[in-house]
């Protein structure tokens, strides 16, 4: 997807500091943070949303929890807690149609989220 900002980041066409990178995912700080700590875990493959995950891709998504765990510990979120969120499409709050997860922490999260 030549116009997708997350694809450009995944392909290193846009230079952004990665907090994490492996064969399937990378993580970056959110440019519009909603908490003191707010980063994104993003698929390298262009998968528009959770609705586009099929059985051949489902096995990689367990890694999201491992990455969230690792980064939460590195950024001192593990002791008090954090929120892991995936938004799906417009009414679900998804702004970029490329599969990603938000990790938010450093303050008390409220429920319902809004």
C-alpha atoms as a PDB file:
ATOM      1  CA  UNK A   1       0.000   0.000   0.000  1.00  0.00           C
ATOM      2  CA  UNK A   2       2.073   2.895  -1.286  1.00  0.00           C
ATOM      3  CA  UNK A   3       0.012   5.618   0.437  1.00  0.00           C
ATOM      4  CA  UNK A   4      -0.341   3.964   3.849  1.00  0.00           C
ATOM      5  CA  UNK A   5       1.706   5.795   6.462  1.00  0.00           C
ATOM      6  CA  UNK A   6       2.241   2.638   8.532  1.00  0.00           C
ATOM      7  CA  UNK A   7       3.426   0.728   5.445  1.00  0.00           C
ATOM      8  CA  UNK A   8       5.932   3.507   4.754  1.00  0.00           C
ATOM      9  CA  UNK A   9       7.186   3.193   8.332  1.00  0.00           C
ATOM     10  CA  UNK A  10       7.365  -0.612   8.103  1.00  0.00           C
ATOM     11  CA  UNK A  11       9.392  -0.330   4.892  1.00  0.00           C
ATOM     12  CA  UNK A  12      11.682   2.307   6.459  1.00  0.00           C
ATOM     13  CA  UNK A  13      10.589   4.876   3.866  1.00  0.00           C
ATOM     14  CA  UNK A  14       9.644   7.206   6.732  1.00  0.00           C
ATOM     15  CA  UNK A  15      12.262   7.518   9.418  1.00  0.00           C
ATOM     16  CA  UNK A  16      10.640   7.176  12.826  1.00  0.00           C
ATOM     17  CA  UNK A  17      12.269   5.840  15.982  1.00  0.00           C
ATOM     18  CA  UNK A  18      11.111   2.291  16.608  1.00  0.00           C
ATOM     19  CA  UNK A  19      10.621   1.156  20.180  1.00  0.00           C
ATOM     20  CA  UNK A  20      10.551  -2.441  18.935  1.00  0.00           C
ATOM     21  CA  UNK A  21      10.884  -4.342  15.651  1.00  0.00           C
ATOM     22  CA  UNK A  22      10.722  -7.959  14.514  1.00  0.00           C
ATOM     23  CA  UNK A  23       9.674  -9.748  11.301  1.00  0.00           C
ATOM     24  CA  UNK A  24       5.945  -9.114  11.801  1.00  0.00           C
ATOM     25  CA  UNK A  25       5.573  -6.020  14.020  1.00  0.00           C
ATOM     26  CA  UNK A  26       7.103  -2.718  15.005  1.00  0.00           C
ATOM     27  CA  UNK A  27       6.237  -0.282  17.780  1.00  0.00           C
ATOM     28  CA  UNK A  28       6.364   3.509  17.850  1.00  0.00           C
ATOM     29  CA  UNK A  29       5.234   6.312  20.139  1.00  0.00           C
ATOM     30  CA  UNK A  30       1.797   7.683  19.231  1.00  0.00           C
ATOM     31  CA  UNK A  31       2.010  11.175  17.710  1.00  0.00           C
ATOM     32  CA  UNK A  32      -1.205  12.219  19.538  1.00  0.00           C
ATOM     33  CA  UNK A  33      -0.738  10.573  22.944  1.00  0.00           C
ATOM     34  CA  UNK A  34      -3.842  10.093  25.075  1.00  0.00           C
ATOM     35  CA  UNK A  35      -1.881   9.088  28.185  1.00  0.00           C
ATOM     36  CA  UNK A  36       1.592   9.808  29.585  1.00  0.00           C
ATOM     37  CA  UNK A  37       2.749   6.596  27.868  1.00  0.00           C
ATOM     38  CA  UNK A  38       1.035   5.824  24.560  1.00  0.00           C
ATOM     39  CA  UNK A  39       2.632   3.687  21.912  1.00  0.00           C
ATOM     40  CA  UNK A  40       1.441   1.627  18.982  1.00  0.00           C
ATOM     41  CA  UNK A  41       2.213  -1.965  18.053  1.00  0.00           C
ATOM     42  CA  UNK A  42       1.767  -2.174  14.275  1.00  0.00           C
ATOM     43  CA  UNK A  43       1.738  -5.061  11.822  1.00  0.00           C
ATOM     44  CA  UNK A  44       4.376  -4.849   9.110  1.00  0.00           C
ATOM     45  CA  UNK A  45       2.008  -6.495   6.644  1.00  0.00           C
ATOM     46  CA  UNK A  46      -0.814  -4.260   5.478  1.00  0.00           C
ATOM     47  CA  UNK A  47      -3.869  -5.757   7.155  1.00  0.00           C
ATOM     48  CA  UNK A  48      -6.591  -3.071   7.215  1.00  0.00           C
ATOM     49  CA  UNK A  49      -8.456  -4.152  10.360  1.00  0.00           C
ATOM     50  CA  UNK A  50      -9.318  -7.047  12.651  1.00  0.00           C
ATOM     51  CA  UNK A  51     -12.045  -7.914  10.121  1.00  0.00           C
ATOM     52  CA  UNK A  52      -9.304  -8.845   7.650  1.00  0.00           C
ATOM     53  CA  UNK A  53      -7.588 -11.453   9.814  1.00  0.00           C
ATOM     54  CA  UNK A  54      -8.091 -14.946   8.509  1.00  0.00           C
ATOM     55  CA  UNK A  55      -6.747 -18.308   9.627  1.00  0.00           C
ATOM     56  CA  UNK A  56      -3.444 -17.933   7.766  1.00  0.00           C
ATOM     57  CA  UNK A  57      -2.658 -14.752   9.741  1.00  0.00           C
ATOM     58  CA  UNK A  58      -4.149 -15.529  13.152  1.00  0.00           C
ATOM     59  CA  UNK A  59      -1.051 -17.229  14.552  1.00  0.00           C
ATOM     60  CA  UNK A  60       1.088 -14.052  14.526  1.00  0.00           C
ATOM     61  CA  UNK A  61      -1.276 -12.070  16.756  1.00  0.00           C
ATOM     62  CA  UNK A  62      -0.311 -13.846  19.988  1.00  0.00           C
ATOM     63  CA  UNK A  63       2.964 -11.956  19.611  1.00  0.00           C
ATOM     64  CA  UNK A  64       1.143  -8.666  20.279  1.00  0.00           C
ATOM     65  CA  UNK A  65       0.734  -9.677  23.925  1.00  0.00           C
ATOM     66  CA  UNK A  66       4.421 -10.594  24.228  1.00  0.00           C
ATOM     67  CA  UNK A  67       5.446  -7.241  22.726  1.00  0.00           C
ATOM     68  CA  UNK A  68       3.017  -5.327  24.969  1.00  0.00           C
ATOM     69  CA  UNK A  69       4.416  -7.172  28.000  1.00  0.00           C
ATOM     70  CA  UNK A  70       8.021  -6.394  27.033  1.00  0.00           C
ATOM     71  CA  UNK A  71       7.378  -2.710  26.343  1.00  0.00           C
ATOM     72  CA  UNK A  72       5.160  -2.249  29.416  1.00  0.00           C
ATOM     73  CA  UNK A  73       8.041  -3.494  31.548  1.00  0.00           C
ATOM     74  CA  UNK A  74      10.602  -1.327  29.727  1.00  0.00           C
ATOM     75  CA  UNK A  75       8.449   1.798  30.111  1.00  0.00           C
ATOM     76  CA  UNK A  76       7.474   1.162  33.757  1.00  0.00           C
ATOM     77  CA  UNK A  77       3.810   0.415  33.070  1.00  0.00           C
ATOM     78  CA  UNK A  78       3.754  -3.165  34.347  1.00  0.00           C
ATOM     79  CA  UNK A  79       3.546  -2.386  38.079  1.00  0.00           C
ATOM     80  CA  UNK A  80       0.443  -0.173  37.984  1.00  0.00           C
ATOM     81  CA  UNK A  81      -1.203  -1.412  34.789  1.00  0.00           C
ATOM     82  CA  UNK A  82      -1.978  -0.282  31.286  1.00  0.00           C
ATOM     83  CA  UNK A  83      -4.595  -0.629  28.569  1.00  0.00           C
ATOM     84  CA  UNK A  84      -4.177  -2.557  25.303  1.00  0.00           C
ATOM     85  CA  UNK A  85      -6.689  -1.465  22.634  1.00  0.00           C
ATOM     86  CA  UNK A  86      -7.505  -2.301  19.038  1.00  0.00           C
ATOM     87  CA  UNK A  87      -9.980  -0.024  17.268  1.00  0.00           C
ATOM     88  CA  UNK A  88     -11.941  -1.355  14.286  1.00  0.00           C
ATOM     89  CA  UNK A  89     -13.195   0.916  11.508  1.00  0.00           C
ATOM     90  CA  UNK A  90     -14.639   4.429  11.782  1.00  0.00           C
ATOM     91  CA  UNK A  91     -17.208   3.976  14.556  1.00  0.00           C
ATOM     92  CA  UNK A  92     -14.694   1.918  16.515  1.00  0.00           C
ATOM     93  CA  UNK A  93     -12.251   4.834  16.416  1.00  0.00           C
ATOM     94  CA  UNK A  94      -9.782   3.476  13.847  1.00  0.00           C
ATOM     95  CA  UNK A  95      -8.101   6.436  12.127  1.00  0.00           C
ATOM     96  CA  UNK A  96      -5.487   4.568  10.069  1.00  0.00           C
ATOM     97  CA  UNK A  97      -6.756   1.541   8.136  1.00  0.00           C
ATOM     98  CA  UNK A  98      -3.747  -0.606   8.964  1.00  0.00           C
ATOM     99  CA  UNK A  99      -3.908  -3.062  11.864  1.00  0.00           C
ATOM    100  CA  UNK A 100      -2.415  -1.641  15.071  1.00  0.00           C
ATOM    101  CA  UNK A 101      -2.801  -1.809  18.816  1.00  0.00           C
ATOM    102  CA  UNK A 102      -2.591   1.053  21.312  1.00  0.00           C
ATOM    103  CA  UNK A 103      -0.791   0.604  24.626  1.00  0.00           C
ATOM    104  CA  UNK A 104      -1.753   3.351  27.071  1.00  0.00           C
ATOM    105  CA  UNK A 105      -0.544   3.852  30.624  1.00  0.00           C
ATOM    106  CA  UNK A 106       0.870   6.175  33.213  1.00  0.00           C
ATOM    107  CA  UNK A 107      -2.519   7.322  34.504  1.00  0.00           C
ATOM    108  CA  UNK A 108      -5.779   5.831  35.751  1.00  0.00           C
ATOM    109  CA  UNK A 109      -7.843   4.593  32.803  1.00  0.00           C
ATOM    110  CA  UNK A 110     -11.583   5.251  32.940  1.00  0.00           C
ATOM    111  CA  UNK A 111     -14.514   3.039  31.961  1.00  0.00           C
ATOM    112  CA  UNK A 112     -16.447   3.300  29.786  1.00  0.00           C
ATOM    113  CA  UNK A 113     -13.665   4.559  27.521  1.00  0.00           C
ATOM    114  CA  UNK A 114     -15.833   7.042  25.603  1.00  0.00           C
END
